[in-house]
Each structure stands twice: as structure tokens, then as C-alpha cells.
N, C-alpha and C. Protein backbone atom coordinates (compact mmCIF):
# COMPACT_ATOMS: atom_id res chain seq x y z
N MET A 1 38.22 10.83 -23.36
CA MET A 1 37.49 11.72 -22.47
C MET A 1 36.08 11.92 -23.02
N SER A 2 35.11 11.76 -22.20
CA SER A 2 33.71 11.87 -22.60
C SER A 2 33.25 13.33 -22.62
N THR A 3 32.39 13.64 -23.58
CA THR A 3 31.85 15.00 -23.67
C THR A 3 30.49 15.11 -22.99
N TYR A 4 29.99 14.00 -22.50
CA TYR A 4 28.68 14.01 -21.84
C TYR A 4 28.84 14.49 -20.40
N PRO A 5 27.89 15.30 -19.93
CA PRO A 5 27.97 15.74 -18.54
C PRO A 5 27.67 14.59 -17.59
N LYS A 6 28.32 14.60 -16.46
CA LYS A 6 28.05 13.58 -15.44
C LYS A 6 26.72 13.88 -14.78
N LEU A 7 25.95 12.83 -14.57
CA LEU A 7 24.66 12.99 -13.91
C LEU A 7 24.86 13.03 -12.40
N LYS A 8 24.20 13.97 -11.79
CA LYS A 8 24.16 14.00 -10.33
C LYS A 8 23.03 13.09 -9.91
N LYS A 9 22.98 12.72 -8.63
CA LYS A 9 21.91 11.87 -8.15
C LYS A 9 20.54 12.44 -8.47
N ALA A 10 20.37 13.72 -8.32
CA ALA A 10 19.07 14.36 -8.56
C ALA A 10 18.71 14.34 -10.04
N ASP A 11 19.68 14.16 -10.92
CA ASP A 11 19.43 14.18 -12.36
C ASP A 11 19.10 12.80 -12.93
N THR A 12 19.18 11.76 -12.13
CA THR A 12 18.92 10.43 -12.66
C THR A 12 17.47 10.34 -13.09
N PRO A 13 17.22 9.73 -14.25
CA PRO A 13 15.86 9.70 -14.79
C PRO A 13 14.89 8.85 -13.99
N PHE A 14 15.37 7.80 -13.32
CA PHE A 14 14.50 6.92 -12.57
C PHE A 14 14.98 6.79 -11.14
N PRO A 15 14.51 7.67 -10.27
CA PRO A 15 14.96 7.58 -8.87
C PRO A 15 14.48 6.26 -8.26
N LYS A 16 15.30 5.69 -7.41
CA LYS A 16 14.92 4.44 -6.76
C LYS A 16 13.76 4.70 -5.80
N ARG A 17 12.76 3.85 -5.88
CA ARG A 17 11.64 3.94 -4.94
C ARG A 17 11.98 3.14 -3.71
N LYS A 18 11.70 3.72 -2.59
CA LYS A 18 11.89 3.00 -1.34
C LYS A 18 10.83 1.90 -1.27
N ARG A 19 11.18 0.80 -0.64
CA ARG A 19 10.19 -0.24 -0.43
C ARG A 19 9.14 0.30 0.53
N PRO A 20 7.91 -0.14 0.34
CA PRO A 20 6.86 0.34 1.25
C PRO A 20 7.17 -0.03 2.70
N GLU A 21 6.74 0.84 3.57
CA GLU A 21 6.88 0.58 5.00
C GLU A 21 6.05 -0.65 5.35
N ALA A 22 6.52 -1.46 6.26
CA ALA A 22 5.82 -2.69 6.63
C ALA A 22 4.45 -2.38 7.24
N LEU A 23 3.49 -3.21 6.87
CA LEU A 23 2.14 -3.06 7.42
C LEU A 23 2.06 -3.80 8.75
N THR A 24 1.23 -3.30 9.64
CA THR A 24 0.99 -3.98 10.91
C THR A 24 0.17 -5.24 10.66
N ASP A 25 0.09 -6.10 11.64
CA ASP A 25 -0.72 -7.31 11.51
C ASP A 25 -2.18 -6.96 11.22
N ARG A 26 -2.70 -5.95 11.90
CA ARG A 26 -4.10 -5.55 11.70
C ARG A 26 -4.30 -4.99 10.29
N GLU A 27 -3.34 -4.19 9.82
CA GLU A 27 -3.43 -3.65 8.47
C GLU A 27 -3.41 -4.78 7.44
N GLN A 28 -2.57 -5.78 7.66
CA GLN A 28 -2.52 -6.92 6.75
C GLN A 28 -3.84 -7.68 6.75
N GLU A 29 -4.43 -7.81 7.93
CA GLU A 29 -5.72 -8.49 8.05
C GLU A 29 -6.80 -7.72 7.27
N ILE A 30 -6.81 -6.40 7.43
CA ILE A 30 -7.79 -5.56 6.72
C ILE A 30 -7.52 -5.58 5.22
N LEU A 31 -6.28 -5.55 4.84
CA LEU A 31 -5.93 -5.61 3.42
C LEU A 31 -6.46 -6.90 2.79
N GLN A 32 -6.32 -8.00 3.49
CA GLN A 32 -6.81 -9.28 2.99
C GLN A 32 -8.34 -9.24 2.84
N LEU A 33 -9.02 -8.59 3.78
CA LEU A 33 -10.47 -8.47 3.70
C LEU A 33 -10.90 -7.55 2.56
N ILE A 34 -10.13 -6.50 2.31
CA ILE A 34 -10.40 -5.62 1.17
C ILE A 34 -10.27 -6.45 -0.11
N TRP A 35 -9.23 -7.29 -0.17
CA TRP A 35 -9.00 -8.14 -1.34
C TRP A 35 -10.20 -9.06 -1.59
N THR A 36 -10.84 -9.53 -0.53
CA THR A 36 -11.99 -10.42 -0.70
C THR A 36 -13.24 -9.67 -1.17
N GLY A 37 -13.17 -8.33 -1.17
CA GLY A 37 -14.27 -7.53 -1.69
C GLY A 37 -15.18 -6.93 -0.64
N LEU A 38 -14.80 -7.05 0.63
CA LEU A 38 -15.64 -6.48 1.68
C LEU A 38 -15.54 -4.96 1.71
N LYS A 39 -16.64 -4.34 2.05
CA LYS A 39 -16.68 -2.88 2.23
C LYS A 39 -16.24 -2.56 3.66
N ASN A 40 -15.94 -1.28 3.90
CA ASN A 40 -15.48 -0.86 5.23
C ASN A 40 -16.44 -1.28 6.33
N LYS A 41 -17.73 -1.11 6.10
CA LYS A 41 -18.74 -1.45 7.11
C LYS A 41 -18.72 -2.96 7.40
N GLU A 42 -18.57 -3.76 6.36
CA GLU A 42 -18.54 -5.21 6.54
C GLU A 42 -17.27 -5.65 7.27
N ILE A 43 -16.16 -5.01 6.94
CA ILE A 43 -14.90 -5.30 7.64
C ILE A 43 -15.02 -4.94 9.11
N ALA A 44 -15.60 -3.78 9.38
CA ALA A 44 -15.78 -3.33 10.76
C ALA A 44 -16.64 -4.32 11.55
N GLN A 45 -17.72 -4.79 10.94
CA GLN A 45 -18.59 -5.75 11.62
C GLN A 45 -17.86 -7.07 11.89
N GLN A 46 -17.14 -7.55 10.89
CA GLN A 46 -16.44 -8.82 11.04
C GLN A 46 -15.36 -8.76 12.11
N LEU A 47 -14.64 -7.62 12.18
CA LEU A 47 -13.55 -7.49 13.16
C LEU A 47 -14.00 -6.88 14.48
N GLU A 48 -15.27 -6.50 14.53
CA GLU A 48 -15.84 -5.87 15.72
C GLU A 48 -15.08 -4.60 16.12
N ILE A 49 -14.87 -3.75 15.10
CA ILE A 49 -14.27 -2.44 15.31
C ILE A 49 -15.14 -1.42 14.59
N SER A 50 -14.87 -0.15 14.79
CA SER A 50 -15.69 0.87 14.14
C SER A 50 -15.28 1.06 12.68
N VAL A 51 -16.23 1.58 11.91
CA VAL A 51 -15.96 1.89 10.51
C VAL A 51 -14.84 2.93 10.43
N LYS A 52 -14.85 3.89 11.35
CA LYS A 52 -13.80 4.93 11.36
C LYS A 52 -12.41 4.30 11.55
N THR A 53 -12.32 3.26 12.37
CA THR A 53 -11.05 2.58 12.58
C THR A 53 -10.59 1.89 11.30
N VAL A 54 -11.52 1.25 10.61
CA VAL A 54 -11.18 0.61 9.33
C VAL A 54 -10.70 1.67 8.34
N GLU A 55 -11.41 2.79 8.28
CA GLU A 55 -11.01 3.87 7.38
C GLU A 55 -9.61 4.39 7.71
N ALA A 56 -9.32 4.50 9.00
CA ALA A 56 -8.00 4.97 9.43
C ALA A 56 -6.91 3.97 9.01
N HIS A 57 -7.18 2.68 9.20
CA HIS A 57 -6.21 1.66 8.78
C HIS A 57 -5.98 1.72 7.27
N ARG A 58 -7.08 1.87 6.52
CA ARG A 58 -6.96 1.94 5.06
C ARG A 58 -6.13 3.16 4.65
N ALA A 59 -6.39 4.30 5.28
CA ALA A 59 -5.63 5.52 4.97
C ALA A 59 -4.15 5.34 5.31
N ASN A 60 -3.87 4.72 6.45
CA ASN A 60 -2.48 4.48 6.85
C ASN A 60 -1.77 3.56 5.85
N MET A 61 -2.47 2.52 5.39
CA MET A 61 -1.88 1.60 4.42
C MET A 61 -1.57 2.33 3.12
N MET A 62 -2.50 3.16 2.65
CA MET A 62 -2.29 3.87 1.40
C MET A 62 -1.12 4.84 1.52
N LYS A 63 -0.98 5.44 2.69
CA LYS A 63 0.15 6.36 2.92
C LYS A 63 1.47 5.59 2.92
N LYS A 64 1.50 4.46 3.61
CA LYS A 64 2.72 3.66 3.68
C LYS A 64 3.15 3.15 2.31
N VAL A 65 2.17 2.74 1.51
CA VAL A 65 2.46 2.16 0.20
C VAL A 65 2.57 3.25 -0.87
N ARG A 66 2.22 4.47 -0.50
CA ARG A 66 2.27 5.63 -1.39
C ARG A 66 1.37 5.49 -2.61
N VAL A 67 0.09 5.22 -2.33
CA VAL A 67 -0.93 5.16 -3.38
C VAL A 67 -2.11 6.01 -2.95
N SER A 68 -3.04 6.25 -3.90
CA SER A 68 -4.14 7.16 -3.57
C SER A 68 -5.53 6.54 -3.66
N ASN A 69 -5.62 5.25 -3.99
CA ASN A 69 -6.93 4.61 -3.99
C ASN A 69 -6.79 3.11 -3.74
N ALA A 70 -7.93 2.45 -3.53
CA ALA A 70 -7.93 1.03 -3.16
C ALA A 70 -7.39 0.15 -4.28
N ALA A 71 -7.68 0.48 -5.54
CA ALA A 71 -7.18 -0.32 -6.65
C ALA A 71 -5.66 -0.30 -6.69
N GLN A 72 -5.07 0.87 -6.50
CA GLN A 72 -3.62 0.99 -6.47
C GLN A 72 -3.04 0.26 -5.26
N LEU A 73 -3.75 0.31 -4.15
CA LEU A 73 -3.31 -0.38 -2.94
C LEU A 73 -3.25 -1.88 -3.19
N LEU A 74 -4.30 -2.44 -3.79
CA LEU A 74 -4.32 -3.88 -4.06
C LEU A 74 -3.26 -4.26 -5.09
N ASN A 75 -3.08 -3.43 -6.10
CA ASN A 75 -2.05 -3.70 -7.10
C ASN A 75 -0.66 -3.73 -6.46
N ALA A 76 -0.37 -2.74 -5.64
CA ALA A 76 0.93 -2.69 -4.95
C ALA A 76 1.08 -3.88 -4.01
N ALA A 77 0.00 -4.25 -3.34
CA ALA A 77 0.04 -5.38 -2.40
C ALA A 77 0.36 -6.68 -3.12
N ILE A 78 -0.19 -6.85 -4.31
CA ILE A 78 0.10 -8.04 -5.10
C ILE A 78 1.57 -8.04 -5.53
N GLN A 79 2.02 -6.91 -6.04
CA GLN A 79 3.40 -6.80 -6.52
C GLN A 79 4.42 -7.02 -5.41
N GLU A 80 4.09 -6.57 -4.21
CA GLU A 80 5.02 -6.69 -3.07
C GLU A 80 4.80 -7.98 -2.27
N GLY A 81 3.84 -8.80 -2.69
CA GLY A 81 3.58 -10.05 -1.98
C GLY A 81 2.96 -9.86 -0.60
N MET A 82 2.20 -8.78 -0.43
CA MET A 82 1.60 -8.47 0.87
C MET A 82 0.29 -9.24 1.12
N ILE A 83 -0.33 -9.72 0.05
CA ILE A 83 -1.59 -10.45 0.24
C ILE A 83 -1.49 -11.82 -0.40
N GLN A 84 -2.31 -12.73 0.11
CA GLN A 84 -2.35 -14.09 -0.42
C GLN A 84 -3.51 -14.18 -1.39
N ILE A 85 -3.22 -14.54 -2.63
CA ILE A 85 -4.26 -14.69 -3.63
C ILE A 85 -4.70 -16.15 -3.58
N LYS A 86 -5.97 -16.35 -3.26
CA LYS A 86 -6.48 -17.73 -3.12
C LYS A 86 -7.19 -18.17 -4.38
């Protein structure tokens, strides 16, 4: 008989992270452009959309992937195979 207390799910030291929510085709397109080093304004011009729309897509991607900046977004995208490294 063990003297150690049983761990409840909430007590586990490393909770499982859910996989990021899937990105839309447009979000994937913008993510690839971010990877190439384009700024929001340049992405907006290339895709013929507003800068605000690019910003909204970027914010949605960061929320889905659960990160707080572009560097973390790109790191997560590489780890999850979301972008093609050329």
C-alpha cells in the first residue's frame, strides 16, 4: 500500500495543452507573410485589405495559438508545422 496521496487531475504538474485551434486560409496566408518579414501595412497592400483587417487577423491568430506577441506566434507556428520554411 502506497503512502503517497493520489493526484487529482487538477494537481498534475503538467496539464495537457490543447492543440491550437486551426487557422483559416487567410490567417495562414498572413502568417506566411509575417514569416517573410512583412509589416502589417505591407501585408495589407499586398493582399489589398486594410491594415485594421491585418491587425484583426494577427490578433485572432495569437488568441487561437495562445501567445502574446509575433515572435511567440512564429515559434508556435514552426513547432506546429503551420508555416513553410523556405
